PDB file of N, CA and C in Angstrom:
ATOM      1  N   UNK A   1     128.072  89.511 130.916  1.00  0.00           N
ATOM      2  CA  UNK A   1     129.032  90.723 130.994  1.00  0.00           C
ATOM      3  C   UNK A   1     129.537  91.228 129.775  1.00  0.00           C
ATOM      4  N   UNK A   2     129.706  92.398 129.820  1.00  0.00           N
ATOM      5  CA  UNK A   2     129.749  93.308 128.850  1.00  0.00           C
ATOM      6  C   UNK A   2     131.500  93.958 129.108  1.00  0.00           C
ATOM      7  N   UNK A   3     131.946  93.548 127.787  1.00  0.00           N
ATOM      8  CA  UNK A   3     133.559  94.506 127.826  1.00  0.00           C
ATOM      9  C   UNK A   3     133.348  95.327 126.592  1.00  0.00           C
ATOM     10  N   UNK A   4     134.113  96.557 126.584  1.00  0.00           N
ATOM     11  CA  UNK A   4     133.943  97.512 125.856  1.00  0.00           C
ATOM     12  C   UNK A   4     135.304  98.097 125.422  1.00  0.00           C
ATOM     13  N   UNK A   5     135.589  98.080 124.111  1.00  0.00           N
ATOM     14  CA  UNK A   5     136.876  98.766 123.624  1.00  0.00           C
ATOM     15  C   UNK A   5     136.848  99.427 122.398  1.00  0.00           C
ATOM     16  N   UNK A   6     137.108 100.764 122.706  1.00  0.00           N
ATOM     17  CA  UNK A   6     136.863 101.707 121.566  1.00  0.00           C
ATOM     18  C   UNK A   6     138.142 101.955 120.583  1.00  0.00           C
ATOM     19  N   UNK A   7     137.743 102.238 119.290  1.00  0.00           N
ATOM     20  CA  UNK A   7     138.662 102.397 118.461  1.00  0.00           C
ATOM     21  C   UNK A   7     139.671 103.776 118.657  1.00  0.00           C
ATOM     22  N   UNK A   8     140.798 103.789 118.179  1.00  0.00           N
ATOM     23  CA  UNK A   8     141.546 105.040 118.427  1.00  0.00           C
ATOM     24  C   UNK A   8     140.738 106.402 117.969  1.00  0.00           C
ATOM     25  N   UNK A   9     139.804 106.051 117.045  1.00  0.00           N
ATOM     26  CA  UNK A   9     139.107 107.559 116.651  1.00  0.00           C
ATOM     27  C   UNK A   9     137.950 107.671 117.398  1.00  0.00           C
ATOM     28  N   UNK A  10     137.612 106.874 118.216  1.00  0.00           N
ATOM     29  CA  UNK A  10     136.348 106.874 118.933  1.00  0.00           C
ATOM     30  C   UNK A  10     135.256 106.577 118.409  1.00  0.00           C
ATOM     31  N   UNK A  11     135.219 106.461 116.967  1.00  0.00           N
ATOM     32  CA  UNK A  11     134.129 106.428 116.145  1.00  0.00           C
ATOM     33  C   UNK A  11     133.542 104.870 116.030  1.00  0.00           C
ATOM     34  N   UNK A  12     133.997 103.853 116.742  1.00  0.00           N
ATOM     35  CA  UNK A  12     133.515 102.515 116.768  1.00  0.00           C
ATOM     36  C   UNK A  12     133.887 102.108 118.432  1.00  0.00           C
ATOM     37  N   UNK A  13     132.940 101.134 118.799  1.00  0.00           N
ATOM     38  CA  UNK A  13     133.201 100.324 119.942  1.00  0.00           C
ATOM     39  C   UNK A  13     132.722  98.777 119.665  1.00  0.00           C
ATOM     40  N   UNK A  14     134.039  98.106 120.192  1.00  0.00           N
ATOM     41  CA  UNK A  14     133.788  96.778 120.231  1.00  0.00           C
ATOM     42  C   UNK A  14     133.572  96.263 121.224  1.00  0.00           C
ATOM     43  N   UNK A  15     132.075  95.725 121.545  1.00  0.00           N
ATOM     44  CA  UNK A  15     131.590  95.204 122.482  1.00  0.00           C
ATOM     45  C   UNK A  15     131.699  93.798 122.623  1.00  0.00           C
ATOM     46  N   UNK A  16     132.219  93.038 123.449  1.00  0.00           N
ATOM     47  CA  UNK A  16     132.062  91.732 123.903  1.00  0.00           C
ATOM     48  C   UNK A  16     131.225  91.243 125.016  1.00  0.00           C
ATOM     49  N   UNK A  17     130.171  90.307 124.411  1.00  0.00           N
ATOM     50  CA  UNK A  17     129.095  90.056 125.164  1.00  0.00           C
ATOM     51  C   UNK A  17     129.509  88.513 125.615  1.00  0.00           C
ATOM     52  N   UNK A  18     129.458  88.178 127.013  1.00  0.00           N
ATOM     53  CA  UNK A  18     129.705  87.030 127.650  1.00  0.00           C
ATOM     54  C   UNK A  18     128.639  86.520 128.399  1.00  0.00           C
ATOM     55  N   UNK A  19     128.103  85.358 128.189  1.00  0.00           N
ATOM     56  CA  UNK A  19     126.951  85.032 128.724  1.00  0.00           C
ATOM     57  C   UNK A  19     127.185  83.173 129.402  1.00  0.00           C
ATOM     58  N   UNK A  20     126.944  82.921 130.586  1.00  0.00           N
ATOM     59  CA  UNK A  20     127.156  81.624 131.208  1.00  0.00           C
ATOM     60  C   UNK A  20     125.614  81.008 131.021  1.00  0.00           C
ATOM     61  N   UNK A  21     125.205  80.279 130.416  1.00  0.00           N
ATOM     62  CA  UNK A  21     124.076  79.572 130.346  1.00  0.00           C
ATOM     63  C   UNK A  21     123.845  78.493 131.199  1.00  0.00           C
ATOM     64  N   UNK A  22     122.774  77.784 131.414  1.00  0.00           N
ATOM     65  CA  UNK A  22     122.607  76.679 132.333  1.00  0.00           C
ATOM     66  C   UNK A  22     123.502  75.630 131.348  1.00  0.00           C
ATOM     67  N   UNK A  23     123.808  74.444 132.379  1.00  0.00           N
ATOM     68  CA  UNK A  23     124.533  73.370 131.728  1.00  0.00           C
ATOM     69  C   UNK A  23     123.720  72.631 130.533  1.00  0.00           C
ATOM     70  N   UNK A  24     124.428  72.016 129.631  1.00  0.00           N
ATOM     71  CA  UNK A  24     123.554  71.385 128.624  1.00  0.00           C
ATOM     72  C   UNK A  24     123.117  72.381 127.452  1.00  0.00           C
ATOM     73  N   UNK A  25     123.323  73.461 127.480  1.00  0.00           N
ATOM     74  CA  UNK A  25     122.846  74.310 126.548  1.00  0.00           C
ATOM     75  C   UNK A  25     123.556  74.116 125.196  1.00  0.00           C
ATOM     76  N   UNK A  26     122.760  74.201 124.154  1.00  0.00           N
ATOM     77  CA  UNK A  26     123.443  73.846 122.742  1.00  0.00           C
ATOM     78  C   UNK A  26     123.829  75.092 122.120  1.00  0.00           C
ATOM     79  N   UNK A  27     123.003  76.322 122.187  1.00  0.00           N
ATOM     80  CA  UNK A  27     123.487  77.129 121.136  1.00  0.00           C
ATOM     81  C   UNK A  27     122.864  78.769 122.115  1.00  0.00           C
ATOM     82  N   UNK A  28     123.184  79.568 121.803  1.00  0.00           N
ATOM     83  CA  UNK A  28     123.032  80.861 122.472  1.00  0.00           C
ATOM     84  C   UNK A  28     123.340  81.862 121.065  1.00  0.00           C
ATOM     85  N   UNK A  29     122.409  82.655 121.029  1.00  0.00           N
ATOM     86  CA  UNK A  29     122.213  83.690 119.935  1.00  0.00           C
ATOM     87  C   UNK A  29     122.217  85.242 120.623  1.00  0.00           C
ATOM     88  N   UNK A  30     122.707  86.120 120.282  1.00  0.00           N
ATOM     89  CA  UNK A  30     122.624  87.575 120.812  1.00  0.00           C
ATOM     90  C   UNK A  30     121.597  88.249 119.931  1.00  0.00           C
ATOM     91  N   UNK A  31     120.635  88.727 120.270  1.00  0.00           N
ATOM     92  CA  UNK A  31     119.619  89.593 119.452  1.00  0.00           C
ATOM     93  C   UNK A  31     119.248  90.927 120.254  1.00  0.00           C
ATOM     94  N   UNK A  32     119.056  91.840 119.191  1.00  0.00           N
ATOM     95  CA  UNK A  32     119.015  93.265 119.969  1.00  0.00           C
ATOM     96  C   UNK A  32     118.687  94.408 118.832  1.00  0.00           C
ATOM     97  N   UNK A  33     118.368  95.441 119.311  1.00  0.00           N
ATOM     98  CA  UNK A  33     118.081  96.580 118.357  1.00  0.00           C
ATOM     99  C   UNK A  33     119.212  96.645 117.376  1.00  0.00           C
ATOM    100  N   UNK A  34     120.562  96.402 117.602  1.00  0.00           N
ATOM    101  CA  UNK A  34     121.553  96.425 116.544  1.00  0.00           C
ATOM    102  C   UNK A  34     121.498  95.315 115.606  1.00  0.00           C
ATOM    103  N   UNK A  35     120.648  94.484 115.719  1.00  0.00           N
ATOM    104  CA  UNK A  35     120.299  93.594 114.284  1.00  0.00           C
ATOM    105  C   UNK A  35     118.667  93.083 114.031  1.00  0.00           C
ATOM    106  N   UNK A  36     118.006  94.040 114.617  1.00  0.00           N
ATOM    107  CA  UNK A  36     116.516  93.914 114.451  1.00  0.00           C
ATOM    108  C   UNK A  36     116.003  92.736 115.152  1.00  0.00           C
ATOM    109  N   UNK A  37     116.685  92.317 116.182  1.00  0.00           N
ATOM    110  CA  UNK A  37     116.081  91.056 116.925  1.00  0.00           C
ATOM    111  C   UNK A  37     116.287  89.867 116.087  1.00  0.00           C
ATOM    112  N   UNK A  38     117.175  89.795 115.016  1.00  0.00           N
ATOM    113  CA  UNK A  38     117.212  88.606 114.346  1.00  0.00           C
ATOM    114  C   UNK A  38     117.975  87.509 114.920  1.00  0.00           C
ATOM    115  N   UNK A  39     117.400  86.487 115.072  1.00  0.00           N
ATOM    116  CA  UNK A  39     118.199  85.315 115.733  1.00  0.00           C
ATOM    117  C   UNK A  39     118.923  84.723 114.881  1.00  0.00           C
ATOM    118  N   UNK A  40     119.024  84.899 113.502  1.00  0.00           N
ATOM    119  CA  UNK A  40     120.195  84.277 112.930  1.00  0.00           C
ATOM    120  C   UNK A  40     121.472  84.926 112.588  1.00  0.00           C
ATOM    121  N   UNK A  41     121.457  86.241 113.078  1.00  0.00           N
ATOM    122  CA  UNK A  41     122.532  87.208 112.767  1.00  0.00           C
ATOM    123  C   UNK A  41     123.710  87.112 113.675  1.00  0.00           C
ATOM    124  N   UNK A  42     123.596  86.893 114.809  1.00  0.00           N
ATOM    125  CA  UNK A  42     124.649  86.873 115.845  1.00  0.00           C
ATOM    126  C   UNK A  42     124.916  85.414 116.624  1.00  0.00           C
ATOM    127  N   UNK A  43     125.113  84.328 116.029  1.00  0.00           N
ATOM    128  CA  UNK A  43     125.321  83.337 117.020  1.00  0.00           C
ATOM    129  C   UNK A  43     126.602  83.300 117.800  1.00  0.00           C
ATOM    130  N   UNK A  44     126.398  83.085 119.103  1.00  0.00           N
ATOM    131  CA  UNK A  44     127.599  83.185 119.815  1.00  0.00           C
ATOM    132  C   UNK A  44     128.521  82.035 119.694  1.00  0.00           C
ATOM    133  N   UNK A  45     129.841  82.053 120.098  1.00  0.00           N
ATOM    134  CA  UNK A  45     130.752  80.838 120.306  1.00  0.00           C
ATOM    135  C   UNK A  45     131.024  80.132 121.588  1.00  0.00           C
ATOM    136  N   UNK A  46     130.870  79.003 121.823  1.00  0.00           N
ATOM    137  CA  UNK A  46     130.815  78.379 122.982  1.00  0.00           C
ATOM    138  C   UNK A  46     132.517  78.369 123.292  1.00  0.00           C
ATOM    139  N   UNK A  47     132.887  78.595 124.661  1.00  0.00           N
ATOM    140  CA  UNK A  47     133.960  78.439 125.221  1.00  0.00           C
ATOM    141  C   UNK A  47     134.195  77.290 125.886  1.00  0.00           C
ATOM    142  N   UNK A  48     135.254  76.717 126.162  1.00  0.00           N
ATOM    143  CA  UNK A  48     135.809  75.393 127.237  1.00  0.00           C
ATOM    144  C   UNK A  48     135.091  75.514 128.544  1.00  0.00           C
ATOM    145  N   UNK A  49     135.223  76.553 128.929  1.00  0.00           N
ATOM    146  CA  UNK A  49     134.314  76.915 130.332  1.00  0.00           C
ATOM    147  C   UNK A  49     133.036  76.614 130.302  1.00  0.00           C
ATOM    148  N   UNK A  50     132.251  76.670 128.978  1.00  0.00           N
ATOM    149  CA  UNK A  50     130.948  76.936 129.137  1.00  0.00           C
ATOM    150  C   UNK A  50     130.058  78.145 128.874  1.00  0.00           C
ATOM    151  N   UNK A  51     130.934  79.200 128.671  1.00  0.00           N
ATOM    152  CA  UNK A  51     130.285  80.183 128.680  1.00  0.00           C
ATOM    153  C   UNK A  51     130.301  80.710 127.107  1.00  0.00           C
ATOM    154  N   UNK A  52     129.315  81.487 126.461  1.00  0.00           N
ATOM    155  CA  UNK A  52     129.277  81.697 125.132  1.00  0.00           C
ATOM    156  C   UNK A  52     129.621  83.167 125.073  1.00  0.00           C
ATOM    157  N   UNK A  53     130.417  83.591 123.932  1.00  0.00           N
ATOM    158  CA  UNK A  53     130.967  84.869 123.801  1.00  0.00           C
ATOM    159  C   UNK A  53     130.908  85.302 122.105  1.00  0.00           C
ATOM    160  N   UNK A  54     130.620  86.551 122.309  1.00  0.00           N
ATOM    161  CA  UNK A  54     130.725  87.143 120.818  1.00  0.00           C
ATOM    162  C   UNK A  54     131.061  88.568 120.923  1.00  0.00           C
ATOM    163  N   UNK A  55     131.672  89.086 119.944  1.00  0.00           N
ATOM    164  CA  UNK A  55     132.413  90.647 119.942  1.00  0.00           C
ATOM    165  C   UNK A  55     131.655  91.076 118.549  1.00  0.00           C
ATOM    166  N   UNK A  56     130.745  92.494 118.756  1.00  0.00           N
ATOM    167  CA  UNK A  56     130.273  92.964 117.711  1.00  0.00           C
ATOM    168  C   UNK A  56     130.687  94.511 117.745  1.00  0.00           C
ATOM    169  N   UNK A  57     130.702  95.156 116.488  1.00  0.00           N
ATOM    170  CA  UNK A  57     131.110  96.737 116.626  1.00  0.00           C
ATOM    171  C   UNK A  57     129.738  97.589 116.939  1.00  0.00           C
ATOM    172  N   UNK A  58     129.937  98.453 117.510  1.00  0.00           N
ATOM    173  CA  UNK A  58     128.596  99.417 117.650  1.00  0.00           C
ATOM    174  C   UNK A  58     129.090 100.660 117.627  1.00  0.00           C
ATOM    175  N   UNK A  59     128.112 101.303 117.395  1.00  0.00           N
ATOM    176  CA  UNK A  59     128.259 102.864 117.444  1.00  0.00           C
ATOM    177  C   UNK A  59     128.241 103.580 118.465  1.00  0.00           C
ATOM    178  N   UNK A  60     129.190 104.537 118.612  1.00  0.00           N
ATOM    179  CA  UNK A  60     128.941 105.161 120.132  1.00  0.00           C
ATOM    180  C   UNK A  60     128.035 106.170 120.026  1.00  0.00           C
ATOM    181  N   UNK A  61     127.511 106.866 121.413  1.00  0.00           N
ATOM    182  CA  UNK A  61     126.669 107.748 121.404  1.00  0.00           C
ATOM    183  C   UNK A  61     125.095 107.248 121.797  1.00  0.00           C
ATOM    184  N   UNK A  62     125.108 106.165 121.764  1.00  0.00           N
ATOM    185  CA  UNK A  62     123.634 105.572 121.923  1.00  0.00           C
ATOM    186  C   UNK A  62     123.616 104.314 122.938  1.00  0.00           C
ATOM    187  N   UNK A  63     122.668 104.100 123.520  1.00  0.00           N
ATOM    188  CA  UNK A  63     122.147 102.877 123.956  1.00  0.00           C
ATOM    189  C   UNK A  63     121.654 101.668 123.192  1.00  0.00           C
ATOM    190  N   UNK A  64     121.627 100.551 123.555  1.00  0.00           N
ATOM    191  CA  UNK A  64     121.015  99.327 122.744  1.00  0.00           C
ATOM    192  C   UNK A  64     120.401  98.359 123.661  1.00  0.00           C
ATOM    193  N   UNK A  65     118.939  97.928 123.265  1.00  0.00           N
ATOM    194  CA  UNK A  65     118.449  96.713 124.018  1.00  0.00           C
ATOM    195  C   UNK A  65     118.859  95.575 123.502  1.00  0.00           C
ATOM    196  N   UNK A  66     118.968  94.432 124.500  1.00  0.00           N
ATOM    197  CA  UNK A  66     119.341  93.256 123.630  1.00  0.00           C
ATOM    198  C   UNK A  66     119.007  92.071 124.797  1.00  0.00           C
ATOM    199  N   UNK A  67     119.081  90.864 124.177  1.00  0.00           N
ATOM    200  CA  UNK A  67     118.849  89.839 125.234  1.00  0.00           C
ATOM    201  C   UNK A  67     119.227  88.661 124.356  1.00  0.00           C
ATOM    202  N   UNK A  68     119.659  87.402 125.285  1.00  0.00           N
ATOM    203  CA  UNK A  68     119.989  86.136 124.902  1.00  0.00           C
ATOM    204  C   UNK A  68     119.337  85.230 124.430  1.00  0.00           C
ATOM    205  N   UNK A  69     119.133  84.678 123.086  1.00  0.00           N
ATOM    206  CA  UNK A  69     118.013  83.430 122.969  1.00  0.00           C
ATOM    207  C   UNK A  69     118.550  82.229 122.903  1.00  0.00           C
ATOM    208  N   UNK A  70     118.303  81.174 123.959  1.00  0.00           N
ATOM    209  CA  UNK A  70     118.927  80.106 124.358  1.00  0.00           C
ATOM    210  C   UNK A  70     118.450  78.876 123.667  1.00  0.00           C
ATOM    211  N   UNK A  71     119.134  78.242 123.148  1.00  0.00           N
ATOM    212  CA  UNK A  71     118.438  76.997 122.481  1.00  0.00           C
ATOM    213  C   UNK A  71     117.237  77.312 121.532  1.00  0.00           C
ATOM    214  N   UNK A  72     117.155  78.501 121.063  1.00  0.00           N
ATOM    215  CA  UNK A  72     116.015  79.086 120.345  1.00  0.00           C
ATOM    216  C   UNK A  72     114.688  79.110 120.995  1.00  0.00           C
ATOM    217  N   UNK A  73     114.662  78.731 122.178  1.00  0.00           N
ATOM    218  CA  UNK A  73     113.406  78.554 123.041  1.00  0.00           C
ATOM    219  C   UNK A  73     113.026  79.697 124.249  1.00  0.00           C
ATOM    220  N   UNK A  74     113.994  80.055 124.603  1.00  0.00           N
ATOM    221  CA  UNK A  74     113.826  81.168 125.678  1.00  0.00           C
ATOM    222  C   UNK A  74     114.721  82.241 125.782  1.00  0.00           C
ATOM    223  N   UNK A  75     114.424  83.269 126.423  1.00  0.00           N
ATOM    224  CA  UNK A  75     115.132  84.679 126.328  1.00  0.00           C
ATOM    225  C   UNK A  75     115.799  84.772 127.763  1.00  0.00           C
ATOM    226  N   UNK A  76     117.120  85.235 127.881  1.00  0.00           N
ATOM    227  CA  UNK A  76     117.681  85.492 129.080  1.00  0.00           C
ATOM    228  C   UNK A  76     118.187  87.044 129.097  1.00  0.00           C
ATOM    229  N   UNK A  77     118.344  87.702 130.097  1.00  0.00           N
ATOM    230  CA  UNK A  77     118.906  88.987 130.091  1.00  0.00           C
ATOM    231  C   UNK A  77     120.531  88.741 130.671  1.00  0.00           C
ATOM    232  N   UNK A  78     121.102  90.017 130.240  1.00  0.00           N
ATOM    233  CA  UNK A  78     122.512  89.939 130.817  1.00  0.00           C
ATOM    234  C   UNK A  78     122.381  90.476 132.291  1.00  0.00           C
ATOM    235  N   UNK A  79     122.552  89.959 133.211  1.00  0.00           N
ATOM    236  CA  UNK A  79     122.433  90.517 134.599  1.00  0.00           C
ATOM    237  C   UNK A  79     123.600  91.254 135.305  1.00  0.00           C
ATOM    238  N   UNK A  80     124.604  91.733 134.029  1.00  0.00           N
ATOM    239  CA  UNK A  80     125.686  92.510 134.272  1.00  0.00           C
ATOM    240  C   UNK A  80     125.462  93.291 133.238  1.00  0.00           C
ATOM    241  N   UNK A  81     124.433  93.770 132.708  1.00  0.00           N
ATOM    242  CA  UNK A  81     124.257  94.734 131.579  1.00  0.00           C
ATOM    243  C   UNK A  81     124.489  96.143 132.392  1.00  0.00           C
ATOM    244  N   UNK A  82     124.291  97.226 131.544  1.00  0.00           N
ATOM    245  CA  UNK A  82     124.373  98.543 131.962  1.00  0.00           C
ATOM    246  C   UNK A  82     123.185  99.221 132.697  1.00  0.00           C
ATOM    247  N   UNK A  83     122.276  98.649 132.108  1.00  0.00           N
ATOM    248  CA  UNK A  83     120.478  98.855 132.635  1.00  0.00           C
ATOM    249  C   UNK A  83     119.642  97.938 132.037  1.00  0.00           C
ATOM    250  N   UNK A  84     118.548  97.873 132.557  1.00  0.00           N
ATOM    251  CA  UNK A  84     117.332  97.222 132.133  1.00  0.00           C
ATOM    252  C   UNK A  84     116.253  98.114 131.911  1.00  0.00           C
ATOM    253  N   UNK A  85     115.408  97.828 131.046  1.00  0.00           N
ATOM    254  CA  UNK A  85     114.181  98.777 130.441  1.00  0.00           C
ATOM    255  C   UNK A  85     113.007  97.685 130.487  1.00  0.00           C
ATOM    256  N   UNK A  86     111.923  97.946 130.814  1.00  0.00           N
ATOM    257  CA  UNK A  86     110.592  97.190 130.416  1.00  0.00           C
ATOM    258  C   UNK A  86     110.298  96.843 128.869  1.00  0.00           C
ATOM    259  N   UNK A  87     109.877  96.084 128.385  1.00  0.00           N
ATOM    260  CA  UNK A  87     109.577  96.020 127.132  1.00  0.00           C
ATOM    261  C   UNK A  87     107.961  95.518 126.970  1.00  0.00           C
ATOM    262  N   UNK A  88     107.464  95.602 125.658  1.00  0.00           N
ATOM    263  CA  UNK A  88     106.073  95.437 125.388  1.00  0.00           C
ATOM    264  C   UNK A  88     105.499  93.924 125.893  1.00  0.00           C
ATOM    265  N   UNK A  89     106.651  93.060 126.472  1.00  0.00           N
ATOM    266  CA  UNK A  89     105.662  91.651 126.664  1.00  0.00           C
ATOM    267  C   UNK A  89     105.768  91.699 128.162  1.00  0.00           C
ATOM    268  N   UNK A  90     106.110  92.670 128.907  1.00  0.00           N
ATOM    269  CA  UNK A  90     105.860  92.529 130.443  1.00  0.00           C
ATOM    270  C   UNK A  90     107.325  91.838 131.117  1.00  0.00           C
ATOM    271  N   UNK A  91     108.385  91.885 130.378  1.00  0.00           N
ATOM    272  CA  UNK A  91     109.470  91.554 130.942  1.00  0.00           C
ATOM    273  C   UNK A  91     110.606  92.586 130.802  1.00  0.00           C
ATOM    274  N   UNK A  92     111.799  92.420 130.979  1.00  0.00           N
ATOM    275  CA  UNK A  92     112.976  93.717 131.052  1.00  0.00           C
ATOM    276  C   UNK A  92     113.904  93.441 129.615  1.00  0.00           C
ATOM    277  N   UNK A  93     114.235  94.231 129.312  1.00  0.00           N
ATOM    278  CA  UNK A  93     115.378  93.852 128.380  1.00  0.00           C
ATOM    279  C   UNK A  93     116.832  94.327 128.887  1.00  0.00           C
ATOM    280  N   UNK A  94     117.831  93.854 128.559  1.00  0.00           N
ATOM    281  CA  UNK A  94     119.279  94.244 129.073  1.00  0.00           C
ATOM    282  C   UNK A  94     119.592  95.370 128.050  1.00  0.00           C
ATOM    283  N   UNK A  95     120.254  96.377 128.691  1.00  0.00           N
ATOM    284  CA  UNK A  95     120.567  97.550 127.907  1.00  0.00           C
ATOM    285  C   UNK A  95     122.217  97.610 127.911  1.00  0.00           C
ATOM    286  N   UNK A  96     122.795  98.004 126.903  1.00  0.00           N
ATOM    287  CA  UNK A  96     124.220  98.085 126.820  1.00  0.00           C
ATOM    288  C   UNK A  96     124.506  99.631 126.324  1.00  0.00           C
ATOM    289  N   UNK A  97     125.107 100.614 127.035  1.00  0.00           N
ATOM    290  CA  UNK A  97     125.221 101.763 126.778  1.00  0.00           C
ATOM    291  C   UNK A  97     126.750 101.878 126.141  1.00  0.00           C
ATOM    292  N   UNK A  98     126.735 102.543 124.976  1.00  0.00           N
ATOM    293  CA  UNK A  98     128.092 103.055 124.450  1.00  0.00           C
ATOM    294  C   UNK A  98     128.188 104.361 124.388  1.00  0.00           C
ATOM    295  N   UNK A  99     128.753 105.082 125.279  1.00  0.00           N
ATOM    296  CA  UNK A  99     129.007 106.668 125.481  1.00  0.00           C
ATOM    297  C   UNK A  99     129.719 107.106 124.005  1.00  0.00           C
TER     298      UNK A  99
END
């Protein structure tokens, strides 16, 4: 799930990514075009209800591909993303649009 909050000037948008993984998941990392798909940059925080959450700033006026890396082993899409686009691996990437 994606939640967007714009700064008063509209020059930055804080996007909150919320992901509900399978039970017994140890960690989830947010990876995408905004961090060169680096799995060390944006580890997500586990909540009491088992979801993982992270808020990051993104520049308005574009869209960003992203996925969640679960336990460092498999990729998951955000099924509440703004869009989905095919990638070079034969699957789809989630997209967050920041107008």
